[in-house]
């Protein structure tokens, strides 16, 4: 038996939908079948559409791992070397 294997985004590894309508249909099916509320967004890396569980209206915003907002912790008493 042959199963359909969807293409996945190389960056996020999420399923790629070619247009917004396809992605919205998949989100609706997910809600009907599993009760999972999903939102649709356009990927800035591959240009296709993906599904996410995060509400785009929420205050969450993407921050790359190398640009975290919290300061780096240091051991107590640590002093950087003088040059």
N, C-alpha and C. Protein backbone atom coordinates (compact mmCIF):
# COMPACT_ATOMS: atom_id res chain seq x y z
N UNK A 1 0.84 -1.17 0.00
CA UNK A 1 0.00 0.00 0.00
C UNK A 1 0.89 1.24 0.00
N UNK A 2 0.51 2.27 -0.72
CA UNK A 2 1.30 3.49 -0.87
C UNK A 2 0.71 4.60 0.02
N UNK A 3 1.56 5.18 0.85
CA UNK A 3 1.13 6.28 1.70
C UNK A 3 1.72 7.58 1.18
N UNK A 4 0.94 8.65 1.25
CA UNK A 4 1.40 9.96 0.82
C UNK A 4 2.34 10.53 1.89
N UNK A 5 3.53 10.94 1.47
CA UNK A 5 4.48 11.57 2.38
C UNK A 5 4.62 13.03 1.98
N UNK A 6 4.15 13.95 2.83
CA UNK A 6 4.21 15.38 2.48
C UNK A 6 5.64 15.91 2.52
N UNK A 7 5.89 16.94 1.71
CA UNK A 7 7.20 17.60 1.73
C UNK A 7 7.30 18.42 3.01
N UNK A 8 8.52 18.51 3.54
CA UNK A 8 8.74 19.25 4.77
C UNK A 8 9.76 20.36 4.54
N UNK A 9 9.59 21.43 5.30
CA UNK A 9 10.48 22.59 5.24
C UNK A 9 11.85 22.19 5.79
N UNK A 10 12.90 22.57 5.09
CA UNK A 10 14.26 22.22 5.53
C UNK A 10 14.64 22.94 6.82
N UNK A 11 14.08 24.12 7.06
CA UNK A 11 14.42 24.90 8.24
C UNK A 11 13.64 24.47 9.47
N UNK A 12 12.30 24.39 9.35
CA UNK A 12 11.46 24.11 10.52
C UNK A 12 11.00 22.66 10.61
N UNK A 13 11.17 21.90 9.54
CA UNK A 13 10.73 20.51 9.44
C UNK A 13 9.21 20.37 9.56
N UNK A 14 8.47 21.45 9.25
CA UNK A 14 7.01 21.41 9.26
C UNK A 14 6.51 21.08 7.86
N UNK A 15 5.28 20.57 7.78
CA UNK A 15 4.68 20.23 6.49
C UNK A 15 4.47 21.51 5.68
N UNK A 16 4.81 21.44 4.39
CA UNK A 16 4.69 22.59 3.49
C UNK A 16 3.36 22.53 2.75
N UNK A 17 2.58 23.61 2.82
CA UNK A 17 1.34 23.75 2.06
C UNK A 17 1.59 24.84 1.02
N UNK A 18 1.18 24.58 -0.23
CA UNK A 18 1.48 25.51 -1.32
C UNK A 18 0.68 26.79 -1.28
N UNK A 19 -0.51 26.75 -0.69
CA UNK A 19 -1.29 27.99 -0.58
C UNK A 19 -2.02 28.03 0.76
N UNK A 20 -2.55 29.19 1.06
CA UNK A 20 -3.20 29.43 2.35
C UNK A 20 -4.46 28.59 2.50
N UNK A 21 -5.17 28.36 1.41
CA UNK A 21 -6.42 27.59 1.45
C UNK A 21 -6.15 26.15 1.89
N UNK A 22 -5.11 25.53 1.32
CA UNK A 22 -4.75 24.16 1.71
C UNK A 22 -4.40 24.09 3.19
N UNK A 23 -3.63 25.06 3.66
CA UNK A 23 -3.21 25.06 5.06
C UNK A 23 -4.41 25.26 5.99
N UNK A 24 -5.32 26.16 5.62
CA UNK A 24 -6.51 26.38 6.45
C UNK A 24 -7.39 25.13 6.49
N UNK A 25 -7.48 24.43 5.37
CA UNK A 25 -8.26 23.19 5.33
C UNK A 25 -7.63 22.15 6.27
N UNK A 26 -6.31 22.05 6.25
CA UNK A 26 -5.62 21.11 7.14
C UNK A 26 -5.83 21.49 8.61
N UNK A 27 -5.83 22.78 8.91
CA UNK A 27 -6.07 23.24 10.28
C UNK A 27 -7.49 22.89 10.73
N UNK A 28 -8.46 23.07 9.83
CA UNK A 28 -9.85 22.72 10.15
C UNK A 28 -9.99 21.22 10.39
N UNK A 29 -9.34 20.41 9.56
CA UNK A 29 -9.39 18.95 9.72
C UNK A 29 -8.78 18.54 11.06
N UNK A 30 -7.70 19.19 11.43
CA UNK A 30 -7.05 18.89 12.70
C UNK A 30 -7.97 19.20 13.87
N UNK A 31 -8.71 20.31 13.76
CA UNK A 31 -9.64 20.68 14.83
C UNK A 31 -10.79 19.67 14.91
N UNK A 32 -11.31 19.25 13.76
CA UNK A 32 -12.42 18.29 13.72
C UNK A 32 -11.98 16.94 14.28
N UNK A 33 -10.81 16.46 13.83
CA UNK A 33 -10.36 15.12 14.20
C UNK A 33 -9.77 15.04 15.61
N UNK A 34 -9.01 16.06 16.02
CA UNK A 34 -8.28 15.99 17.29
C UNK A 34 -8.60 17.10 18.27
N UNK A 35 -9.36 18.10 17.83
CA UNK A 35 -9.68 19.22 18.71
C UNK A 35 -8.51 20.17 18.90
N UNK A 36 -7.52 20.10 18.01
CA UNK A 36 -6.33 20.95 18.12
C UNK A 36 -6.55 22.24 17.32
N UNK A 37 -6.51 23.37 18.02
CA UNK A 37 -6.69 24.66 17.34
C UNK A 37 -5.35 25.11 16.77
N UNK A 38 -5.29 25.26 15.45
CA UNK A 38 -4.06 25.63 14.77
C UNK A 38 -4.26 26.89 13.95
N UNK A 39 -3.18 27.64 13.77
CA UNK A 39 -3.20 28.84 12.95
C UNK A 39 -2.28 28.65 11.75
N UNK A 40 -2.51 29.45 10.73
CA UNK A 40 -1.77 29.36 9.48
C UNK A 40 -0.84 30.56 9.37
N UNK A 41 0.38 30.33 8.89
CA UNK A 41 1.30 31.45 8.64
C UNK A 41 2.21 31.12 7.46
N UNK A 42 2.72 32.15 6.84
CA UNK A 42 3.63 31.99 5.71
C UNK A 42 5.07 31.96 6.24
N UNK A 43 5.83 30.96 5.82
CA UNK A 43 7.21 30.78 6.27
C UNK A 43 8.12 31.78 5.56
N UNK A 44 8.94 32.46 6.33
CA UNK A 44 9.86 33.44 5.73
C UNK A 44 11.07 32.77 5.10
N UNK A 45 11.27 31.47 5.36
CA UNK A 45 12.42 30.77 4.81
C UNK A 45 12.11 30.07 3.49
N UNK A 46 11.00 29.32 3.45
CA UNK A 46 10.69 28.55 2.23
C UNK A 46 9.58 29.19 1.40
N UNK A 47 8.83 30.13 1.96
CA UNK A 47 7.76 30.80 1.21
C UNK A 47 6.45 30.04 1.18
N UNK A 48 6.43 28.83 1.73
CA UNK A 48 5.19 28.04 1.77
C UNK A 48 4.44 28.36 3.06
N UNK A 49 3.29 27.71 3.22
CA UNK A 49 2.44 27.93 4.39
C UNK A 49 2.60 26.78 5.37
N UNK A 50 2.60 27.09 6.66
CA UNK A 50 2.72 26.10 7.72
C UNK A 50 1.61 26.30 8.74
N UNK A 51 1.47 25.32 9.64
CA UNK A 51 0.53 25.39 10.75
C UNK A 51 1.31 25.58 12.05
N UNK A 52 0.72 26.31 12.97
CA UNK A 52 1.33 26.50 14.28
C UNK A 52 0.26 26.47 15.36
N UNK A 53 0.66 26.07 16.56
CA UNK A 53 -0.28 26.08 17.69
C UNK A 53 -0.27 27.42 18.41
N UNK A 54 0.66 28.31 18.06
CA UNK A 54 0.73 29.64 18.70
C UNK A 54 -0.18 30.63 17.98
N UNK A 55 -0.95 31.35 18.76
CA UNK A 55 -1.85 32.36 18.21
C UNK A 55 -1.02 33.54 17.70
N UNK A 56 -1.16 33.90 16.42
CA UNK A 56 -0.36 35.01 15.88
C UNK A 56 -0.69 36.35 16.53
N UNK A 57 -1.85 36.48 17.18
CA UNK A 57 -2.22 37.72 17.85
C UNK A 57 -1.61 37.83 19.25
N UNK A 58 -0.99 36.74 19.73
CA UNK A 58 -0.40 36.78 21.07
C UNK A 58 0.88 37.61 21.06
N UNK A 59 1.41 37.86 22.23
CA UNK A 59 2.59 38.71 22.34
C UNK A 59 3.89 37.96 22.07
N UNK A 60 3.82 36.66 21.76
CA UNK A 60 5.03 35.89 21.48
C UNK A 60 5.68 36.39 20.20
N UNK A 61 7.00 36.53 20.24
CA UNK A 61 7.72 36.82 19.01
C UNK A 61 8.97 35.97 18.97
N UNK A 62 9.40 35.62 17.78
CA UNK A 62 10.54 34.74 17.58
C UNK A 62 11.84 35.47 17.89
N UNK A 63 12.68 34.88 18.74
CA UNK A 63 13.99 35.42 19.04
C UNK A 63 15.00 34.31 18.77
N UNK A 64 15.96 34.53 17.86
CA UNK A 64 16.96 33.49 17.60
C UNK A 64 17.70 33.12 18.89
N UNK A 65 18.15 31.87 18.97
CA UNK A 65 18.79 31.38 20.19
C UNK A 65 20.05 32.15 20.55
N UNK A 66 20.74 32.70 19.55
CA UNK A 66 21.97 33.42 19.85
C UNK A 66 21.71 34.87 20.27
N UNK A 67 20.45 35.28 20.35
CA UNK A 67 20.10 36.64 20.74
C UNK A 67 19.09 36.64 21.89
N UNK A 68 19.30 35.78 22.85
CA UNK A 68 18.37 35.69 23.97
C UNK A 68 18.40 36.97 24.79
N UNK A 69 17.29 37.28 25.43
CA UNK A 69 17.18 38.51 26.20
C UNK A 69 17.74 38.39 27.61
N UNK A 70 17.78 37.18 28.16
CA UNK A 70 18.26 37.04 29.53
C UNK A 70 19.79 37.11 29.57
N UNK A 71 20.35 37.68 30.62
CA UNK A 71 21.81 37.79 30.71
C UNK A 71 22.44 36.43 30.97
N UNK A 72 23.67 36.27 30.57
CA UNK A 72 24.39 35.03 30.83
C UNK A 72 24.75 34.96 32.30
N UNK A 73 24.52 33.82 32.91
CA UNK A 73 24.81 33.69 34.33
C UNK A 73 26.31 33.46 34.53
N UNK A 74 26.81 33.93 35.63
CA UNK A 74 28.22 33.76 36.00
C UNK A 74 28.27 33.13 37.39
N UNK A 75 29.36 32.45 37.66
CA UNK A 75 29.55 31.90 39.00
C UNK A 75 29.68 33.04 39.99
N UNK A 76 29.27 32.78 41.22
CA UNK A 76 29.39 33.81 42.26
C UNK A 76 30.87 34.13 42.48
N UNK A 77 31.18 35.41 42.44
CA UNK A 77 32.56 35.83 42.63
C UNK A 77 33.38 35.86 41.36
N UNK A 78 32.78 35.52 40.22
CA UNK A 78 33.53 35.53 38.96
C UNK A 78 33.85 36.95 38.55
N UNK A 79 35.11 37.20 38.23
CA UNK A 79 35.51 38.50 37.72
C UNK A 79 36.25 38.28 36.41
N UNK A 80 35.87 39.00 35.37
CA UNK A 80 36.58 38.83 34.10
C UNK A 80 38.03 39.32 34.21
N UNK A 81 38.91 38.72 33.43
CA UNK A 81 40.33 39.11 33.45
C UNK A 81 40.52 40.50 32.90
N UNK A 82 41.45 41.21 33.50
CA UNK A 82 41.81 42.51 32.94
C UNK A 82 42.84 42.30 31.86
N UNK A 83 42.80 43.13 30.86
CA UNK A 83 43.77 43.01 29.77
C UNK A 83 44.71 44.16 29.78
